[in-house]
Amino acid sequence: MKLQFPRHYTLEEARALLPWVREQLPALRELHDKLNRYRRNLQRHFPDGYDLGGPAVQDHIRQWFELFDRHRELEQRCIIVRDVERGLVDFPSLRDGREVFLCWEEGEPDIAYWHELHAGYAGRQPL
C-alpha cells in the first residue's frame, strides 16, 4: 500500500507534541492577523504598481518569512494546521493498516478523535 505521508504518529507521540503545537498556534494566528492588517493598509494607501519600501514594508516581509518558517517547521513534522483561527490540527497516523488523521482542536484537553484522510472535521470519530 502506498502511503501519502512520510511520517505517522502514534497517539502517544501526537500527545507528546501537543504542548509544542499549543505554543505555535497563537504565534501563527498573530502573524496571520498582522499580515492581513498590513495587506489591507498597503492596498488602501498605495495603488497597484507603486514602488514600496521603508521600515513598514521591511517589517511586513520579515513577518512573511517568520510565518513561512513556522509553517515549514510544522510541515516538516507532518503536522497539518487545517484552520489557524480555530486551532484545528491533524496528525497523520495509521489505523488498521490505513492512513488516517488524529484530530485535535484548540481548547480540547487531549487528542480524542480521528478521521479518514478525506472525511474532514465532519467525519471525526472518537478514539
N, C-alpha and C. Protein backbone atom coordinates (compact mmCIF):
# COMPACT_ATOMS: atom_id res chain seq x y z
N MET A 1 0.85 -1.18 0.00
CA MET A 1 0.00 0.00 0.00
C MET A 1 0.89 1.25 0.00
N LYS A 2 0.62 2.17 -0.91
CA LYS A 2 1.38 3.42 -0.98
C LYS A 2 0.81 4.40 0.05
N LEU A 3 1.71 4.99 0.82
CA LEU A 3 1.31 5.93 1.86
C LEU A 3 1.49 7.36 1.37
N GLN A 4 0.59 8.22 1.79
CA GLN A 4 0.62 9.63 1.38
C GLN A 4 1.60 10.44 2.21
N PHE A 5 1.81 10.06 3.47
CA PHE A 5 2.65 10.83 4.38
C PHE A 5 3.89 10.04 4.77
N PRO A 6 5.04 10.73 4.85
CA PRO A 6 6.27 10.05 5.23
C PRO A 6 6.37 9.80 6.73
N ARG A 7 5.54 10.47 7.51
CA ARG A 7 5.60 10.36 8.98
C ARG A 7 4.22 10.05 9.50
N HIS A 8 4.14 9.12 10.44
CA HIS A 8 2.87 8.76 11.08
C HIS A 8 3.08 8.74 12.58
N TYR A 9 2.12 9.30 13.29
CA TYR A 9 2.22 9.44 14.74
C TYR A 9 1.35 8.41 15.44
N THR A 10 1.91 7.85 16.48
CA THR A 10 1.07 7.09 17.40
C THR A 10 0.32 8.12 18.23
N LEU A 11 -0.70 7.69 18.92
CA LEU A 11 -1.44 8.61 19.78
C LEU A 11 -0.52 9.21 20.83
N GLU A 12 0.36 8.40 21.38
CA GLU A 12 1.28 8.88 22.42
C GLU A 12 2.25 9.93 21.86
N GLU A 13 2.76 9.70 20.65
CA GLU A 13 3.67 10.68 20.03
C GLU A 13 2.96 12.00 19.75
N ALA A 14 1.74 11.92 19.23
CA ALA A 14 0.98 13.15 18.95
C ALA A 14 0.68 13.89 20.25
N ARG A 15 0.30 13.15 21.27
CA ARG A 15 0.02 13.79 22.57
C ARG A 15 1.27 14.47 23.12
N ALA A 16 2.42 13.87 22.93
CA ALA A 16 3.67 14.46 23.43
C ALA A 16 3.97 15.78 22.72
N LEU A 17 3.51 15.95 21.50
CA LEU A 17 3.75 17.19 20.75
C LEU A 17 2.70 18.26 21.00
N LEU A 18 1.61 17.93 21.65
CA LEU A 18 0.54 18.91 21.88
C LEU A 18 1.01 20.18 22.58
N PRO A 19 1.84 20.10 23.63
CA PRO A 19 2.29 21.36 24.25
C PRO A 19 3.01 22.27 23.25
N TRP A 20 3.83 21.71 22.40
CA TRP A 20 4.55 22.50 21.39
C TRP A 20 3.56 23.08 20.38
N VAL A 21 2.60 22.27 19.93
CA VAL A 21 1.60 22.75 18.97
C VAL A 21 0.77 23.87 19.60
N ARG A 22 0.40 23.71 20.87
CA ARG A 22 -0.36 24.76 21.56
C ARG A 22 0.41 26.08 21.59
N GLU A 23 1.72 26.01 21.70
CA GLU A 23 2.55 27.23 21.69
C GLU A 23 2.60 27.86 20.31
N GLN A 24 2.56 27.05 19.27
CA GLN A 24 2.68 27.55 17.90
C GLN A 24 1.43 28.28 17.43
N LEU A 25 0.26 27.80 17.83
CA LEU A 25 -0.99 28.35 17.29
C LEU A 25 -1.18 29.84 17.55
N PRO A 26 -0.99 30.35 18.78
CA PRO A 26 -1.16 31.79 18.97
C PRO A 26 -0.19 32.62 18.13
N ALA A 27 1.04 32.15 17.99
CA ALA A 27 2.02 32.88 17.17
C ALA A 27 1.60 32.87 15.71
N LEU A 28 1.12 31.74 15.21
CA LEU A 28 0.65 31.68 13.82
C LEU A 28 -0.54 32.60 13.62
N ARG A 29 -1.46 32.58 14.56
CA ARG A 29 -2.66 33.42 14.48
C ARG A 29 -2.28 34.90 14.47
N GLU A 30 -1.35 35.27 15.34
CA GLU A 30 -0.92 36.67 15.41
C GLU A 30 -0.24 37.10 14.11
N LEU A 31 0.60 36.24 13.56
CA LEU A 31 1.26 36.57 12.30
C LEU A 31 0.25 36.71 11.17
N HIS A 32 -0.71 35.79 11.10
CA HIS A 32 -1.76 35.90 10.07
C HIS A 32 -2.50 37.22 10.21
N ASP A 33 -2.87 37.56 11.43
CA ASP A 33 -3.60 38.82 11.66
C ASP A 33 -2.77 40.03 11.26
N LYS A 34 -1.50 40.07 11.66
CA LYS A 34 -0.63 41.20 11.31
C LYS A 34 -0.49 41.33 9.81
N LEU A 35 -0.26 40.21 9.14
CA LEU A 35 -0.07 40.26 7.69
C LEU A 35 -1.34 40.71 6.98
N ASN A 36 -2.48 40.28 7.46
CA ASN A 36 -3.73 40.74 6.86
C ASN A 36 -3.94 42.24 7.07
N ARG A 37 -3.59 42.74 8.26
CA ARG A 37 -3.69 44.18 8.51
C ARG A 37 -2.73 44.95 7.61
N TYR A 38 -1.49 44.48 7.48
CA TYR A 38 -0.51 45.12 6.59
C TYR A 38 -1.04 45.16 5.16
N ARG A 39 -1.55 44.03 4.70
CA ARG A 39 -2.02 43.95 3.32
C ARG A 39 -3.15 44.94 3.08
N ARG A 40 -4.11 44.98 4.00
CA ARG A 40 -5.22 45.93 3.84
C ARG A 40 -4.72 47.37 3.87
N ASN A 41 -3.79 47.67 4.75
CA ASN A 41 -3.24 49.02 4.86
C ASN A 41 -2.48 49.41 3.59
N LEU A 42 -1.66 48.50 3.09
CA LEU A 42 -0.91 48.79 1.86
C LEU A 42 -1.85 48.98 0.68
N GLN A 43 -2.87 48.15 0.57
CA GLN A 43 -3.82 48.28 -0.54
C GLN A 43 -4.58 49.61 -0.46
N ARG A 44 -4.87 50.04 0.74
CA ARG A 44 -5.63 51.28 0.93
C ARG A 44 -4.79 52.51 0.57
N HIS A 45 -3.50 52.48 0.87
CA HIS A 45 -2.67 53.67 0.72
C HIS A 45 -1.81 53.71 -0.53
N PHE A 46 -1.61 52.57 -1.17
CA PHE A 46 -0.71 52.55 -2.32
C PHE A 46 -1.38 51.88 -3.51
N PRO A 47 -1.49 52.59 -4.61
CA PRO A 47 -2.10 51.98 -5.81
C PRO A 47 -1.19 50.88 -6.37
N ASP A 48 -1.78 50.01 -7.19
CA ASP A 48 -1.00 48.96 -7.85
C ASP A 48 0.15 49.58 -8.63
N GLY A 49 1.31 48.94 -8.55
CA GLY A 49 2.48 49.42 -9.27
C GLY A 49 3.30 50.44 -8.52
N TYR A 50 2.83 50.91 -7.40
CA TYR A 50 3.57 51.89 -6.60
C TYR A 50 4.81 51.21 -6.02
N ASP A 51 5.95 51.86 -6.10
CA ASP A 51 7.21 51.31 -5.60
C ASP A 51 7.26 51.50 -4.08
N LEU A 52 7.15 50.40 -3.35
CA LEU A 52 7.12 50.46 -1.89
C LEU A 52 8.50 50.20 -1.31
N GLY A 53 8.71 50.69 -0.13
CA GLY A 53 9.96 50.44 0.59
C GLY A 53 9.85 51.01 1.98
N GLY A 54 10.94 50.98 2.70
CA GLY A 54 10.96 51.56 4.03
C GLY A 54 10.71 50.55 5.13
N PRO A 55 10.74 51.01 6.38
CA PRO A 55 10.64 50.12 7.54
C PRO A 55 9.34 49.33 7.60
N ALA A 56 8.21 49.93 7.22
CA ALA A 56 6.94 49.20 7.29
C ALA A 56 6.94 48.01 6.35
N VAL A 57 7.43 48.21 5.15
CA VAL A 57 7.46 47.12 4.17
C VAL A 57 8.49 46.07 4.59
N GLN A 58 9.62 46.51 5.10
CA GLN A 58 10.63 45.55 5.56
C GLN A 58 10.09 44.70 6.71
N ASP A 59 9.34 45.32 7.62
CA ASP A 59 8.73 44.59 8.72
C ASP A 59 7.71 43.58 8.17
N HIS A 60 6.95 44.02 7.20
CA HIS A 60 5.96 43.14 6.55
C HIS A 60 6.65 41.90 5.96
N ILE A 61 7.75 42.10 5.29
CA ILE A 61 8.50 40.99 4.68
C ILE A 61 9.05 40.07 5.76
N ARG A 62 9.57 40.63 6.85
CA ARG A 62 10.06 39.80 7.97
C ARG A 62 8.93 38.94 8.54
N GLN A 63 7.74 39.52 8.66
CA GLN A 63 6.59 38.77 9.18
C GLN A 63 6.24 37.60 8.26
N TRP A 64 6.29 37.84 6.95
CA TRP A 64 6.03 36.75 6.00
C TRP A 64 7.03 35.62 6.17
N PHE A 65 8.29 35.96 6.31
CA PHE A 65 9.31 34.92 6.48
C PHE A 65 9.12 34.16 7.80
N GLU A 66 8.76 34.86 8.85
CA GLU A 66 8.52 34.18 10.13
C GLU A 66 7.33 33.23 10.01
N LEU A 67 6.26 33.68 9.37
CA LEU A 67 5.10 32.82 9.16
C LEU A 67 5.48 31.61 8.33
N PHE A 68 6.22 31.83 7.26
CA PHE A 68 6.66 30.74 6.40
C PHE A 68 7.51 29.74 7.20
N ASP A 69 8.44 30.24 8.01
CA ASP A 69 9.30 29.35 8.81
C ASP A 69 8.49 28.52 9.79
N ARG A 70 7.51 29.13 10.43
CA ARG A 70 6.67 28.38 11.39
C ARG A 70 5.84 27.31 10.69
N HIS A 71 5.27 27.66 9.55
CA HIS A 71 4.51 26.66 8.78
C HIS A 71 5.43 25.54 8.29
N ARG A 72 6.63 25.90 7.86
CA ARG A 72 7.56 24.90 7.36
C ARG A 72 7.96 23.92 8.47
N GLU A 73 8.17 24.44 9.67
CA GLU A 73 8.54 23.57 10.79
C GLU A 73 7.42 22.57 11.08
N LEU A 74 6.19 23.02 11.07
CA LEU A 74 5.06 22.10 11.26
C LEU A 74 4.99 21.11 10.11
N GLU A 75 5.14 21.60 8.89
CA GLU A 75 5.08 20.74 7.71
C GLU A 75 6.18 19.68 7.73
N GLN A 76 7.37 20.06 8.14
CA GLN A 76 8.47 19.10 8.20
C GLN A 76 8.18 17.98 9.19
N ARG A 77 7.38 18.27 10.18
CA ARG A 77 6.97 17.25 11.16
C ARG A 77 5.69 16.54 10.72
N CYS A 78 5.17 16.89 9.54
CA CYS A 78 3.92 16.34 9.02
C CYS A 78 2.74 16.63 9.94
N ILE A 79 2.77 17.80 10.58
CA ILE A 79 1.64 18.25 11.38
C ILE A 79 0.90 19.27 10.54
N ILE A 80 -0.40 19.05 10.36
CA ILE A 80 -1.18 19.86 9.43
C ILE A 80 -2.12 20.77 10.21
N VAL A 81 -1.91 22.07 10.06
CA VAL A 81 -2.82 23.05 10.66
C VAL A 81 -3.90 23.33 9.62
N ARG A 82 -5.09 22.84 9.89
CA ARG A 82 -6.21 22.98 8.93
C ARG A 82 -6.85 24.36 9.01
N ASP A 83 -6.93 24.90 10.22
CA ASP A 83 -7.58 26.19 10.41
C ASP A 83 -6.88 26.90 11.56
N VAL A 84 -6.14 27.95 11.24
CA VAL A 84 -5.38 28.68 12.26
C VAL A 84 -6.31 29.34 13.27
N GLU A 85 -7.39 29.93 12.79
CA GLU A 85 -8.30 30.63 13.70
C GLU A 85 -8.92 29.69 14.72
N ARG A 86 -9.36 28.54 14.28
CA ARG A 86 -9.98 27.56 15.17
C ARG A 86 -8.94 26.73 15.92
N GLY A 87 -7.72 26.69 15.40
CA GLY A 87 -6.70 25.84 16.00
C GLY A 87 -6.96 24.38 15.71
N LEU A 88 -7.36 24.08 14.47
CA LEU A 88 -7.68 22.72 14.06
C LEU A 88 -6.43 22.07 13.46
N VAL A 89 -6.00 20.96 14.07
CA VAL A 89 -4.72 20.33 13.72
C VAL A 89 -4.93 18.84 13.49
N ASP A 90 -4.28 18.31 12.43
CA ASP A 90 -4.29 16.88 12.13
C ASP A 90 -2.88 16.32 12.19
N PHE A 91 -2.78 15.11 12.73
CA PHE A 91 -1.53 14.36 12.79
C PHE A 91 -1.74 13.08 11.97
N PRO A 92 -0.96 12.86 10.91
CA PRO A 92 -1.09 11.60 10.18
C PRO A 92 -0.81 10.42 11.11
N SER A 93 -1.60 9.38 10.94
CA SER A 93 -1.45 8.20 11.77
C SER A 93 -1.86 6.98 10.96
N LEU A 94 -1.65 5.82 11.54
CA LEU A 94 -2.09 4.57 10.91
C LEU A 94 -3.12 3.92 11.82
N ARG A 95 -4.19 3.45 11.22
CA ARG A 95 -5.25 2.79 11.98
C ARG A 95 -5.71 1.59 11.14
N ASP A 96 -5.60 0.42 11.71
CA ASP A 96 -5.98 -0.81 11.00
C ASP A 96 -5.31 -0.89 9.62
N GLY A 97 -4.04 -0.48 9.55
CA GLY A 97 -3.26 -0.59 8.33
C GLY A 97 -3.52 0.47 7.28
N ARG A 98 -4.31 1.49 7.59
CA ARG A 98 -4.56 2.57 6.61
C ARG A 98 -4.25 3.91 7.24
N GLU A 99 -3.96 4.88 6.38
CA GLU A 99 -3.66 6.23 6.86
C GLU A 99 -4.94 6.93 7.28
N VAL A 100 -4.85 7.60 8.42
CA VAL A 100 -5.95 8.41 8.96
C VAL A 100 -5.31 9.64 9.60
N PHE A 101 -6.13 10.52 10.12
CA PHE A 101 -5.63 11.65 10.89
C PHE A 101 -6.11 11.54 12.33
N LEU A 102 -5.19 11.77 13.26
CA LEU A 102 -5.57 12.05 14.64
C LEU A 102 -5.91 13.53 14.63
N CYS A 103 -7.06 13.89 15.18
CA CYS A 103 -7.59 15.24 15.03
C CYS A 103 -7.71 15.91 16.40
N TRP A 104 -7.23 17.14 16.48
CA TRP A 104 -7.31 17.92 17.72
C TRP A 104 -7.70 19.35 17.37
N GLU A 105 -8.55 19.92 18.22
CA GLU A 105 -8.93 21.32 18.07
C GLU A 105 -8.56 22.06 19.34
N GLU A 106 -7.99 23.25 19.17
CA GLU A 106 -7.59 24.06 20.31
C GLU A 106 -8.76 24.20 21.28
N GLY A 107 -8.47 24.02 22.55
CA GLY A 107 -9.50 24.05 23.57
C GLY A 107 -9.86 22.66 24.06
N GLU A 108 -9.62 21.66 23.23
CA GLU A 108 -9.84 20.29 23.68
C GLU A 108 -8.66 19.89 24.56
N PRO A 109 -8.92 19.20 25.67
CA PRO A 109 -7.83 18.88 26.59
C PRO A 109 -6.85 17.84 26.06
N ASP A 110 -7.29 17.04 25.08
CA ASP A 110 -6.46 15.94 24.60
C ASP A 110 -6.87 15.59 23.17
N ILE A 111 -6.08 14.77 22.53
CA ILE A 111 -6.45 14.24 21.22
C ILE A 111 -7.42 13.10 21.49
N ALA A 112 -8.65 13.28 21.09
CA ALA A 112 -9.68 12.29 21.40
C ALA A 112 -10.44 11.82 20.15
N TYR A 113 -10.03 12.31 18.96
CA TYR A 113 -10.75 11.99 17.74
C TYR A 113 -9.80 11.60 16.62
N TRP A 114 -10.33 10.92 15.64
CA TRP A 114 -9.62 10.59 14.41
C TRP A 114 -10.62 10.72 13.27
N HIS A 115 -10.10 10.80 12.05
CA HIS A 115 -10.98 10.77 10.87
C HIS A 115 -10.19 10.28 9.67
N GLU A 116 -10.92 9.80 8.69
CA GLU A 116 -10.32 9.35 7.43
C GLU A 116 -9.68 10.56 6.75
N LEU A 117 -8.72 10.31 5.87
CA LEU A 117 -7.98 11.39 5.22
C LEU A 117 -8.90 12.40 4.51
N HIS A 118 -9.94 11.94 3.89
CA HIS A 118 -10.79 12.85 3.11
C HIS A 118 -12.12 13.14 3.79
N ALA A 119 -12.29 12.70 5.02
CA ALA A 119 -13.56 12.92 5.71
C ALA A 119 -13.64 14.30 6.34
N GLY A 120 -12.52 14.86 6.76
CA GLY A 120 -12.53 16.17 7.38
C GLY A 120 -13.17 16.18 8.75
N TYR A 121 -13.34 17.38 9.27
CA TYR A 121 -13.84 17.57 10.63
C TYR A 121 -15.19 16.89 10.84
N ALA A 122 -16.05 16.95 9.84
CA ALA A 122 -17.38 16.36 9.97
C ALA A 122 -17.32 14.84 10.16
N GLY A 123 -16.22 14.23 9.73
CA GLY A 123 -16.08 12.78 9.85
C GLY A 123 -15.35 12.34 11.11
N ARG A 124 -15.13 13.26 12.04
CA ARG A 124 -14.41 12.90 13.27
C ARG A 124 -15.16 11.81 14.04
N GLN A 125 -14.36 10.87 14.54
CA GLN A 125 -14.90 9.78 15.36
C GLN A 125 -14.07 9.68 16.63
N PRO A 126 -14.71 9.31 17.73
CA PRO A 126 -13.95 9.17 18.98
C PRO A 126 -12.93 8.05 18.85
N LEU A 127 -11.78 8.23 19.50
CA LEU A 127 -10.76 7.18 19.50
C LEU A 127 -11.22 5.99 20.33
